[in-house]
Amino acid sequence: MNIGIDLGATNIRVGLEDGGKIIHQAKKLLLEKDSLKSTINQIKSLIDKVITAEVKGIGIGVPSVVDIEKGIVYDVVNIPSWKKVPLKDILEDAYDLPVSINNDVNCFVLGEHRYGKAKGCNSVVGMAIGTGLGAGVIIDNKLYAGKNCGAGEIGMVPYLDKYMEYYTSSIFFEKSYSTTAKDAHIKAQMGDLEALKQWNEFGHHFGNAVQTILYMYDPEMIVLGGSLSKAMPFFETALYENLKSYVYQSSLKNVKICLSTQENIALLGAAALIPSLTEVQSE
């Protein structure tokens, strides 16, 4: 058994993993973000609700860059008090268990590779579309985080007059149309023509993001997750229309693009950061 933690700007989710399934979990709104002590205590309170004597380790996904070796989290944008947090040391001291920390989208793609849509794939990229755009990368069946845990930060790639994330996340709807992705989704479901037009435009931009991933990594599969992925029926046509301009059309036939379907995949991915006994023995 391991514990997986998904730390977001709004919520904290903690799950107890056993045999590739989350058998118990706890969740709460993240409050008092200006206080490091308070946010740490909130995480601990949820761990305390699910921890058992059988737990072998704690894995955590955070929306930021991480010194993976030392377990230090840097500059979490939406949690002001998290500038340089030695989270690994804090939790290992508190629970006397090994702790492993990584970027949240890396945990997402690791979960998909271990337990989800990408199981059995040698290479896969997970793209999380929400308040921002990020990607996690599996190469040769191993998570590739980069030297500074910054691999896959496709949202920061320069694009048009801004950067990719500006046009391929909820920011697009806020800045371009003074609405929210949630409202645009609801209206599209009702057949609102303006909302459908907005999603079509979004799909064109997102197609360019997918093309960038294809040129960079040439994966077997791209798995889409995050809140905006639920609106894929409204941008899918524009996405695939865009991909017609991809140079290597014969290669494109070998790439699967699919939606994540497991609600707890990020928790499973975080828990998978802790190596099993089998993995340790094989090294």
C-alpha atoms as a PDB file:
ATOM      1  CA  MET A   1       0.000   0.000   0.000  1.00  0.00           C
ATOM      2  CA  ASN A   2       1.059   3.562  -0.756  1.00  0.00           C
ATOM      3  CA  ILE A   3      -0.524   6.958  -0.284  1.00  0.00           C
ATOM      4  CA  GLY A   4      -0.997   9.205  -3.309  1.00  0.00           C
ATOM      5  CA  ILE A   5      -1.586  12.940  -2.948  1.00  0.00           C
ATOM      6  CA  ASP A   6      -2.840  15.348  -5.591  1.00  0.00           C
ATOM      7  CA  LEU A   7      -2.214  18.933  -4.504  1.00  0.00           C
ATOM      8  CA  GLY A   8      -4.084  21.515  -6.537  1.00  0.00           C
ATOM      9  CA  ALA A   9      -4.600  25.234  -6.243  1.00  0.00           C
ATOM     10  CA  THR A  10      -8.165  24.638  -5.055  1.00  0.00           C
ATOM     11  CA  ASN A  11      -8.331  21.138  -3.578  1.00  0.00           C
ATOM     12  CA  ILE A  12      -6.172  18.562  -1.833  1.00  0.00           C
ATOM     13  CA  ARG A  13      -6.940  14.911  -2.540  1.00  0.00           C
ATOM     14  CA  VAL A  14      -5.309  12.052  -0.654  1.00  0.00           C
ATOM     15  CA  GLY A  15      -5.853   8.400  -1.549  1.00  0.00           C
ATOM     16  CA  LEU A  16      -4.816   5.047  -0.144  1.00  0.00           C
ATOM     17  CA  GLU A  17      -3.634   2.802  -3.001  1.00  0.00           C
ATOM     18  CA  ASP A  18      -3.683  -0.963  -2.839  1.00  0.00           C
ATOM     19  CA  GLY A  19      -3.070  -3.180  -5.852  1.00  0.00           C
ATOM     20  CA  GLY A  20      -3.519  -0.374  -8.356  1.00  0.00           C
ATOM     21  CA  LYS A  21      -6.809   0.846  -6.875  1.00  0.00           C
ATOM     22  CA  ILE A  22      -7.712   3.712  -4.572  1.00  0.00           C
ATOM     23  CA  ILE A  23      -9.530   1.988  -1.731  1.00  0.00           C
ATOM     24  CA  HIS A  24      -9.992   4.998   0.551  1.00  0.00           C
ATOM     25  CA  GLN A  25      -9.622   8.720   0.002  1.00  0.00           C
ATOM     26  CA  ALA A  26     -10.142  12.090   1.615  1.00  0.00           C
ATOM     27  CA  LYS A  27     -10.528  15.524   0.060  1.00  0.00           C
ATOM     28  CA  LYS A  28     -10.833  19.133   1.180  1.00  0.00           C
ATOM     29  CA  LEU A  29     -10.605  22.675  -0.103  1.00  0.00           C
ATOM     30  CA  LEU A  30      -7.162  24.189   0.268  1.00  0.00           C
ATOM     31  CA  LEU A  31      -7.572  27.123   2.642  1.00  0.00           C
ATOM     32  CA  GLU A  32      -5.257  29.828   4.032  1.00  0.00           C
ATOM     33  CA  LYS A  33      -2.876  29.620   1.084  1.00  0.00           C
ATOM     34  CA  ASP A  34      -0.778  32.476   2.485  1.00  0.00           C
ATOM     35  CA  SER A  35       0.261  30.301   5.421  1.00  0.00           C
ATOM     36  CA  LEU A  36       2.780  27.536   4.779  1.00  0.00           C
ATOM     37  CA  LYS A  37       2.148  26.044   8.225  1.00  0.00           C
ATOM     38  CA  SER A  38      -1.599  25.917   7.631  1.00  0.00           C
ATOM     39  CA  THR A  39      -1.344  24.321   4.190  1.00  0.00           C
ATOM     40  CA  ILE A  40       1.086  21.677   5.456  1.00  0.00           C
ATOM     41  CA  ASN A  41      -1.221  20.923   8.386  1.00  0.00           C
ATOM     42  CA  GLN A  42      -4.146  20.535   5.976  1.00  0.00           C
ATOM     43  CA  ILE A  43      -2.193  17.957   3.990  1.00  0.00           C
ATOM     44  CA  LYS A  44      -1.234  16.112   7.168  1.00  0.00           C
ATOM     45  CA  SER A  45      -4.834  16.062   8.376  1.00  0.00           C
ATOM     46  CA  LEU A  46      -5.899  14.236   5.215  1.00  0.00           C
ATOM     47  CA  ILE A  47      -2.968  11.807   5.378  1.00  0.00           C
ATOM     48  CA  ASP A  48      -4.001  10.989   8.938  1.00  0.00           C
ATOM     49  CA  LYS A  49      -7.471  10.022   7.690  1.00  0.00           C
ATOM     50  CA  VAL A  50      -6.239   7.344   5.278  1.00  0.00           C
ATOM     51  CA  ILE A  51      -2.893   6.113   6.617  1.00  0.00           C
ATOM     52  CA  THR A  52      -2.549   2.549   7.905  1.00  0.00           C
ATOM     53  CA  ALA A  53       0.283   0.475   9.305  1.00  0.00           C
ATOM     54  CA  GLU A  54       0.645  -1.230   5.902  1.00  0.00           C
ATOM     55  CA  VAL A  55       1.564   1.972   4.042  1.00  0.00           C
ATOM     56  CA  LYS A  56       5.070   1.777   2.534  1.00  0.00           C
ATOM     57  CA  GLY A  57       5.456   5.317   1.217  1.00  0.00           C
ATOM     58  CA  ILE A  58       3.860   8.624   0.213  1.00  0.00           C
ATOM     59  CA  GLY A  59       3.885  10.059  -3.317  1.00  0.00           C
ATOM     60  CA  ILE A  60       2.810  13.615  -4.089  1.00  0.00           C
ATOM     61  CA  GLY A  61       1.978  15.486  -7.281  1.00  0.00           C
ATOM     62  CA  VAL A  62       2.280  19.278  -7.121  1.00  0.00           C
ATOM     63  CA  PRO A  63       1.503  21.955  -9.745  1.00  0.00           C
ATOM     64  CA  SER A  64       5.040  23.276  -9.982  1.00  0.00           C
ATOM     65  CA  VAL A  65       8.685  22.397 -10.543  1.00  0.00           C
ATOM     66  CA  VAL A  66      10.397  20.141  -8.043  1.00  0.00           C
ATOM     67  CA  ASP A  67      13.915  19.205  -7.057  1.00  0.00           C
ATOM     68  CA  ILE A  68      13.003  15.534  -7.300  1.00  0.00           C
ATOM     69  CA  GLU A  69      16.114  14.226  -5.559  1.00  0.00           C
ATOM     70  CA  LYS A  70      15.825  16.530  -2.551  1.00  0.00           C
ATOM     71  CA  GLY A  71      12.036  16.760  -2.584  1.00  0.00           C
ATOM     72  CA  ILE A  72      11.932  20.555  -2.569  1.00  0.00           C
ATOM     73  CA  VAL A  73       8.941  22.262  -4.183  1.00  0.00           C
ATOM     74  CA  TYR A  74       9.506  25.680  -5.761  1.00  0.00           C
ATOM     75  CA  ASP A  75       7.236  28.614  -6.587  1.00  0.00           C
ATOM     76  CA  VAL A  76       3.733  27.148  -6.692  1.00  0.00           C
ATOM     77  CA  VAL A  77       1.962  29.916  -8.604  1.00  0.00           C
ATOM     78  CA  ASN A  78      -1.462  29.661  -6.962  1.00  0.00           C
ATOM     79  CA  ILE A  79      -0.222  28.928  -3.440  1.00  0.00           C
ATOM     80  CA  PRO A  80       1.639  32.122  -2.416  1.00  0.00           C
ATOM     81  CA  SER A  81       3.325  30.645   0.666  1.00  0.00           C
ATOM     82  CA  TRP A  82       5.011  27.869  -1.325  1.00  0.00           C
ATOM     83  CA  LYS A  83       8.230  29.489  -2.568  1.00  0.00           C
ATOM     84  CA  LYS A  84      10.778  26.896  -1.444  1.00  0.00           C
ATOM     85  CA  VAL A  85       9.225  24.068   0.528  1.00  0.00           C
ATOM     86  CA  PRO A  86      11.292  21.056   1.699  1.00  0.00           C
ATOM     87  CA  LEU A  87       8.184  18.903   1.537  1.00  0.00           C
ATOM     88  CA  LYS A  88      10.001  15.570   1.458  1.00  0.00           C
ATOM     89  CA  ASP A  89      11.870  16.298   4.699  1.00  0.00           C
ATOM     90  CA  ILE A  90       8.743  17.682   6.377  1.00  0.00           C
ATOM     91  CA  LEU A  91       6.624  14.610   5.671  1.00  0.00           C
ATOM     92  CA  GLU A  92       9.376  12.040   6.193  1.00  0.00           C
ATOM     93  CA  ASP A  93      10.023  13.541   9.627  1.00  0.00           C
ATOM     94  CA  ALA A  94       6.307  13.455  10.409  1.00  0.00           C
ATOM     95  CA  TYR A  95       5.545   9.906   9.241  1.00  0.00           C
ATOM     96  CA  ASP A  96       8.888   8.063   9.096  1.00  0.00           C
ATOM     97  CA  LEU A  97       8.064   6.846   5.586  1.00  0.00           C
ATOM     98  CA  PRO A  98       9.782   7.415   2.233  1.00  0.00           C
ATOM     99  CA  VAL A  99       8.279  10.381   0.350  1.00  0.00           C
ATOM    100  CA  SER A 100       8.588  11.079  -3.376  1.00  0.00           C
ATOM    101  CA  ILE A 101       7.436  14.292  -5.069  1.00  0.00           C
ATOM    102  CA  ASN A 102       6.925  15.194  -8.700  1.00  0.00           C
ATOM    103  CA  ASN A 103       4.960  17.511 -10.959  1.00  0.00           C
ATOM    104  CA  ASP A 104       1.209  16.829 -10.982  1.00  0.00           C
ATOM    105  CA  VAL A 105       0.959  16.254 -14.748  1.00  0.00           C
ATOM    106  CA  ASN A 106       3.876  13.835 -14.530  1.00  0.00           C
ATOM    107  CA  CYS A 107       1.834  11.925 -11.958  1.00  0.00           C
ATOM    108  CA  PHE A 108      -1.143  11.994 -14.311  1.00  0.00           C
ATOM    109  CA  VAL A 109       0.768  10.419 -17.199  1.00  0.00           C
ATOM    110  CA  LEU A 110       2.480   7.931 -14.864  1.00  0.00           C
ATOM    111  CA  GLY A 111      -0.932   6.835 -13.630  1.00  0.00           C
ATOM    112  CA  GLU A 112      -2.201   6.408 -17.183  1.00  0.00           C
ATOM    113  CA  HIS A 113       0.893   4.421 -18.135  1.00  0.00           C
ATOM    114  CA  ARG A 114       0.707   2.154 -15.088  1.00  0.00           C
ATOM    115  CA  TYR A 115      -3.037   1.690 -14.719  1.00  0.00           C
ATOM    116  CA  GLY A 116      -4.964   3.550 -17.423  1.00  0.00           C
ATOM    117  CA  LYS A 117      -5.367   4.075 -21.150  1.00  0.00           C
ATOM    118  CA  ALA A 118      -1.624   3.992 -21.856  1.00  0.00           C
ATOM    119  CA  LYS A 119      -0.891   0.709 -20.108  1.00  0.00           C
ATOM    120  CA  GLY A 120       1.387  -1.288 -22.406  1.00  0.00           C
ATOM    121  CA  CYS A 121       2.569   1.742 -24.377  1.00  0.00           C
ATOM    122  CA  ASN A 122       6.307   2.302 -24.645  1.00  0.00           C
ATOM    123  CA  SER A 123       5.947   6.065 -25.096  1.00  0.00           C
ATOM    124  CA  VAL A 124       3.072   8.329 -24.157  1.00  0.00           C
ATOM    125  CA  VAL A 125       2.397  11.992 -23.497  1.00  0.00           C
ATOM    126  CA  GLY A 126      -0.344  13.079 -21.105  1.00  0.00           C
ATOM    127  CA  MET A 127      -1.758  16.555 -21.726  1.00  0.00           C
ATOM    128  CA  ALA A 128      -3.665  18.237 -18.902  1.00  0.00           C
ATOM    129  CA  ILE A 129      -5.983  21.008 -20.125  1.00  0.00           C
ATOM    130  CA  GLY A 130      -7.430  23.216 -17.416  1.00  0.00           C
ATOM    131  CA  THR A 131      -6.467  26.533 -15.872  1.00  0.00           C
ATOM    132  CA  GLY A 132      -3.209  25.966 -17.753  1.00  0.00           C
ATOM    133  CA  LEU A 133      -1.696  23.486 -20.182  1.00  0.00           C
ATOM    134  CA  GLY A 134       0.940  20.996 -19.161  1.00  0.00           C
ATOM    135  CA  ALA A 135       2.283  17.681 -20.366  1.00  0.00           C
ATOM    136  CA  GLY A 136       3.889  14.644 -18.795  1.00  0.00           C
ATOM    137  CA  VAL A 137       6.194  12.391 -20.802  1.00  0.00           C
ATOM    138  CA  ILE A 138       6.907   8.664 -20.709  1.00  0.00           C
ATOM    139  CA  ILE A 139       9.864   7.522 -22.860  1.00  0.00           C
ATOM    140  CA  ASP A 140      10.929   3.867 -23.052  1.00  0.00           C
ATOM    141  CA  ASN A 141       8.486   3.042 -20.247  1.00  0.00           C
ATOM    142  CA  LYS A 142      10.080   5.569 -17.893  1.00  0.00           C
ATOM    143  CA  LEU A 143       8.855   8.936 -16.699  1.00  0.00           C
ATOM    144  CA  TYR A 144      11.014  11.702 -18.171  1.00  0.00           C
ATOM    145  CA  ALA A 145      10.926  14.781 -15.962  1.00  0.00           C
ATOM    146  CA  GLY A 146      14.031  16.579 -17.232  1.00  0.00           C
ATOM    147  CA  LYS A 147      16.893  18.010 -15.194  1.00  0.00           C
ATOM    148  CA  ASN A 148      14.692  20.520 -13.358  1.00  0.00           C
ATOM    149  CA  CYS A 149      11.361  18.666 -13.536  1.00  0.00           C
ATOM    150  CA  GLY A 150      10.413  21.029 -16.368  1.00  0.00           C
ATOM    151  CA  ALA A 151      10.012  18.598 -19.263  1.00  0.00           C
ATOM    152  CA  GLY A 152       6.624  18.873 -20.943  1.00  0.00           C
ATOM    153  CA  GLU A 153       5.930  22.501 -20.073  1.00  0.00           C
ATOM    154  CA  ILE A 154       4.337  22.984 -23.469  1.00  0.00           C
ATOM    155  CA  GLY A 155       2.077  25.731 -22.172  1.00  0.00           C
ATOM    156  CA  MET A 156       5.051  28.081 -21.977  1.00  0.00           C
ATOM    157  CA  VAL A 157       6.125  27.551 -25.602  1.00  0.00           C
ATOM    158  CA  PRO A 158       5.926  30.881 -27.525  1.00  0.00           C
ATOM    159  CA  TYR A 159       2.875  30.859 -29.780  1.00  0.00           C
ATOM    160  CA  LEU A 160       1.396  33.649 -31.931  1.00  0.00           C
ATOM    161  CA  ASP A 161       1.634  36.881 -29.924  1.00  0.00           C
ATOM    162  CA  LYS A 162       1.626  35.144 -26.516  1.00  0.00           C
ATOM    163  CA  TYR A 163       2.371  31.579 -25.503  1.00  0.00           C
ATOM    164  CA  MET A 164       0.643  28.251 -26.072  1.00  0.00           C
ATOM    165  CA  GLU A 165      -1.231  28.141 -22.761  1.00  0.00           C
ATOM    166  CA  TYR A 166      -2.882  31.492 -23.511  1.00  0.00           C
ATOM    167  CA  TYR A 167      -4.817  29.909 -26.383  1.00  0.00           C
ATOM    168  CA  THR A 168      -5.181  26.311 -25.189  1.00  0.00           C
ATOM    169  CA  SER A 169      -6.503  26.519 -21.640  1.00  0.00           C
ATOM    170  CA  SER A 170      -9.292  28.282 -19.761  1.00  0.00           C
ATOM    171  CA  ILE A 171      -7.292  31.490 -20.229  1.00  0.00           C
ATOM    172  CA  PHE A 172      -8.416  31.508 -23.872  1.00  0.00           C
ATOM    173  CA  PHE A 173     -12.077  31.899 -22.937  1.00  0.00           C
ATOM    174  CA  GLU A 174     -11.386  34.487 -20.249  1.00  0.00           C
ATOM    175  CA  LYS A 175      -9.085  36.692 -22.296  1.00  0.00           C
ATOM    176  CA  SER A 176     -10.595  36.291 -25.760  1.00  0.00           C
ATOM    177  CA  TYR A 177     -14.300  36.125 -24.937  1.00  0.00           C
ATOM    178  CA  SER A 178     -14.689  37.400 -21.345  1.00  0.00           C
ATOM    179  CA  THR A 179     -16.332  34.164 -20.285  1.00  0.00           C
ATOM    180  CA  THR A 180     -15.270  30.923 -18.639  1.00  0.00           C
ATOM    181  CA  ALA A 181     -14.591  27.539 -20.164  1.00  0.00           C
ATOM    182  CA  LYS A 182     -17.284  26.113 -17.889  1.00  0.00           C
ATOM    183  CA  ASP A 183     -19.925  28.539 -19.176  1.00  0.00           C
ATOM    184  CA  ALA A 184     -18.806  27.993 -22.763  1.00  0.00           C
ATOM    185  CA  HIS A 185     -19.147  24.243 -22.243  1.00  0.00           C
ATOM    186  CA  ILE A 186     -22.642  24.552 -20.788  1.00  0.00           C
ATOM    187  CA  LYS A 187     -23.771  26.813 -23.620  1.00  0.00           C
ATOM    188  CA  ALA A 188     -22.242  24.519 -26.248  1.00  0.00           C
ATOM    189  CA  GLN A 189     -24.200  21.618 -24.780  1.00  0.00           C
ATOM    190  CA  MET A 190     -27.326  23.733 -25.285  1.00  0.00           C
ATOM    191  CA  GLY A 191     -26.399  24.349 -28.932  1.00  0.00           C
ATOM    192  CA  ASP A 192     -25.405  28.000 -28.520  1.00  0.00           C
ATOM    193  CA  LEU A 193     -23.784  29.009 -31.821  1.00  0.00           C
ATOM    194  CA  GLU A 194     -21.360  31.509 -30.313  1.00  0.00           C
ATOM    195  CA  ALA A 195     -20.100  28.953 -27.777  1.00  0.00           C
ATOM    196  CA  LEU A 196     -19.712  26.343 -30.510  1.00  0.00           C
ATOM    197  CA  LYS A 197     -17.678  28.849 -32.506  1.00  0.00           C
ATOM    198  CA  GLN A 198     -15.446  29.497 -29.493  1.00  0.00           C
ATOM    199  CA  TRP A 199     -14.751  25.796 -28.995  1.00  0.00           C
ATOM    200  CA  ASN A 200     -14.023  25.393 -32.696  1.00  0.00           C
ATOM    201  CA  GLU A 201     -11.418  28.147 -32.471  1.00  0.00           C
ATOM    202  CA  PHE A 202     -10.021  26.577 -29.314  1.00  0.00           C
ATOM    203  CA  GLY A 203      -9.735  23.242 -31.123  1.00  0.00           C
ATOM    204  CA  HIS A 204      -7.676  24.805 -33.901  1.00  0.00           C
ATOM    205  CA  HIS A 205      -5.187  26.204 -31.380  1.00  0.00           C
ATOM    206  CA  PHE A 206      -5.132  22.962 -29.422  1.00  0.00           C
ATOM    207  CA  GLY A 207      -4.377  21.127 -32.658  1.00  0.00           C
ATOM    208  CA  ASN A 208      -1.183  23.162 -32.911  1.00  0.00           C
ATOM    209  CA  ALA A 209      -0.279  22.126 -29.375  1.00  0.00           C
ATOM    210  CA  VAL A 210      -0.817  18.478 -30.302  1.00  0.00           C
ATOM    211  CA  GLN A 211       1.312  18.918 -33.422  1.00  0.00           C
ATOM    212  CA  THR A 212       4.083  20.354 -31.256  1.00  0.00           C
ATOM    213  CA  ILE A 213       3.922  17.262 -29.030  1.00  0.00           C
ATOM    214  CA  LEU A 214       4.034  14.994 -32.070  1.00  0.00           C
ATOM    215  CA  TYR A 215       7.100  16.718 -33.510  1.00  0.00           C
ATOM    216  CA  MET A 216       8.871  16.767 -30.141  1.00  0.00           C
ATOM    217  CA  TYR A 217       8.189  13.270 -28.824  1.00  0.00           C
ATOM    218  CA  ASP A 218       6.526  11.127 -31.544  1.00  0.00           C
ATOM    219  CA  PRO A 219       4.597   9.111 -28.912  1.00  0.00           C
ATOM    220  CA  GLU A 220       2.437   6.040 -29.390  1.00  0.00           C
ATOM    221  CA  MET A 221      -0.383   7.719 -27.519  1.00  0.00           C
ATOM    222  CA  ILE A 222      -1.546  11.114 -26.276  1.00  0.00           C
ATOM    223  CA  VAL A 223      -3.926  11.006 -23.327  1.00  0.00           C
ATOM    224  CA  LEU A 224      -5.989  14.107 -22.596  1.00  0.00           C
ATOM    225  CA  GLY A 225      -7.033  14.999 -19.075  1.00  0.00           C
ATOM    226  CA  GLY A 226      -8.033  18.043 -17.049  1.00  0.00           C
ATOM    227  CA  SER A 227     -11.348  19.862 -16.809  1.00  0.00           C
ATOM    228  CA  LEU A 228     -11.424  21.128 -20.408  1.00  0.00           C
ATOM    229  CA  SER A 229     -10.887  17.660 -21.855  1.00  0.00           C
ATOM    230  CA  LYS A 230     -14.526  16.922 -20.955  1.00  0.00           C
ATOM    231  CA  ALA A 231     -15.531  19.361 -23.690  1.00  0.00           C
ATOM    232  CA  MET A 232     -13.636  17.425 -26.368  1.00  0.00           C
ATOM    233  CA  PRO A 233     -16.827  16.640 -28.368  1.00  0.00           C
ATOM    234  CA  PHE A 234     -16.995  20.376 -29.124  1.00  0.00           C
ATOM    235  CA  PHE A 235     -13.383  20.857 -30.241  1.00  0.00           C
ATOM    236  CA  GLU A 236     -12.534  17.402 -31.585  1.00  0.00           C
ATOM    237  CA  THR A 237     -13.509  18.171 -35.187  1.00  0.00           C
ATOM    238  CA  ALA A 238     -11.343  21.301 -35.302  1.00  0.00           C
ATOM    239  CA  LEU A 239      -8.481  19.411 -33.641  1.00  0.00           C
ATOM    240  CA  TYR A 240      -8.424  16.690 -36.267  1.00  0.00           C
ATOM    241  CA  GLU A 241      -8.931  19.197 -39.071  1.00  0.00           C
ATOM    242  CA  ASN A 242      -5.792  20.959 -37.850  1.00  0.00           C
ATOM    243  CA  LEU A 243      -3.853  17.683 -37.789  1.00  0.00           C
ATOM    244  CA  LYS A 244      -4.343  17.363 -41.547  1.00  0.00           C
ATOM    245  CA  SER A 245      -1.481  19.852 -41.867  1.00  0.00           C
ATOM    246  CA  TYR A 246       0.865  17.597 -39.869  1.00  0.00           C
ATOM    247  CA  VAL A 247       3.726  16.716 -42.210  1.00  0.00           C
ATOM    248  CA  TYR A 248       4.061  13.027 -41.368  1.00  0.00           C
ATOM    249  CA  GLN A 249       0.560  11.777 -42.086  1.00  0.00           C
ATOM    250  CA  SER A 250       1.691   8.142 -42.329  1.00  0.00           C
ATOM    251  CA  SER A 251       3.104   8.398 -38.790  1.00  0.00           C
ATOM    252  CA  LEU A 252      -0.068  10.047 -37.531  1.00  0.00           C
ATOM    253  CA  LYS A 253      -2.002   6.873 -38.318  1.00  0.00           C
ATOM    254  CA  ASN A 254       0.002   5.112 -35.603  1.00  0.00           C
ATOM    255  CA  VAL A 255      -0.779   7.641 -32.870  1.00  0.00           C
ATOM    256  CA  LYS A 256      -3.795   7.225 -30.615  1.00  0.00           C
ATOM    257  CA  ILE A 257      -5.385  10.325 -29.055  1.00  0.00           C
ATOM    258  CA  CYS A 258      -7.791   9.460 -26.274  1.00  0.00           C
ATOM    259  CA  LEU A 259      -9.471  10.824 -23.161  1.00  0.00           C
ATOM    260  CA  SER A 260      -8.594   9.839 -19.623  1.00  0.00           C
ATOM    261  CA  THR A 261     -11.514   8.060 -18.007  1.00  0.00           C
ATOM    262  CA  GLN A 262     -10.291   7.206 -14.486  1.00  0.00           C
ATOM    263  CA  GLU A 263     -11.195   9.796 -11.876  1.00  0.00           C
ATOM    264  CA  ASN A 264      -8.388   8.739  -9.531  1.00  0.00           C
ATOM    265  CA  ILE A 265      -5.614   8.409 -12.096  1.00  0.00           C
ATOM    266  CA  ALA A 266      -3.553  11.303 -10.644  1.00  0.00           C
ATOM    267  CA  LEU A 267      -3.703   9.731  -7.169  1.00  0.00           C
ATOM    268  CA  LEU A 268      -2.625   6.376  -8.596  1.00  0.00           C
ATOM    269  CA  GLY A 269       0.219   8.083 -10.444  1.00  0.00           C
ATOM    270  CA  ALA A 270       1.378   9.856  -7.307  1.00  0.00           C
ATOM    271  CA  ALA A 271       1.300   6.587  -5.367  1.00  0.00           C
ATOM    272  CA  ALA A 272       3.313   4.969  -8.190  1.00  0.00           C
ATOM    273  CA  LEU A 273       6.182   7.380  -7.484  1.00  0.00           C
ATOM    274  CA  ILE A 274       7.067   5.015  -4.644  1.00  0.00           C
ATOM    275  CA  PRO A 275       8.920   2.048  -6.178  1.00  0.00           C
ATOM    276  CA  SER A 276       7.560  -1.400  -5.385  1.00  0.00           C
ATOM    277  CA  LEU A 277       9.745  -4.123  -3.898  1.00  0.00           C
ATOM    278  CA  THR A 278       9.831  -5.817  -7.314  1.00  0.00           C
ATOM    279  CA  GLU A 279      11.093  -2.639  -8.991  1.00  0.00           C
ATOM    280  CA  VAL A 280      13.766  -2.122  -6.344  1.00  0.00           C
ATOM    281  CA  GLN A 281      15.003  -5.712  -6.683  1.00  0.00           C
ATOM    282  CA  SER A 282      15.229  -5.409 -10.482  1.00  0.00           C
ATOM    283  CA  GLU A 283      17.483  -2.352 -10.371  1.00  0.00           C
END
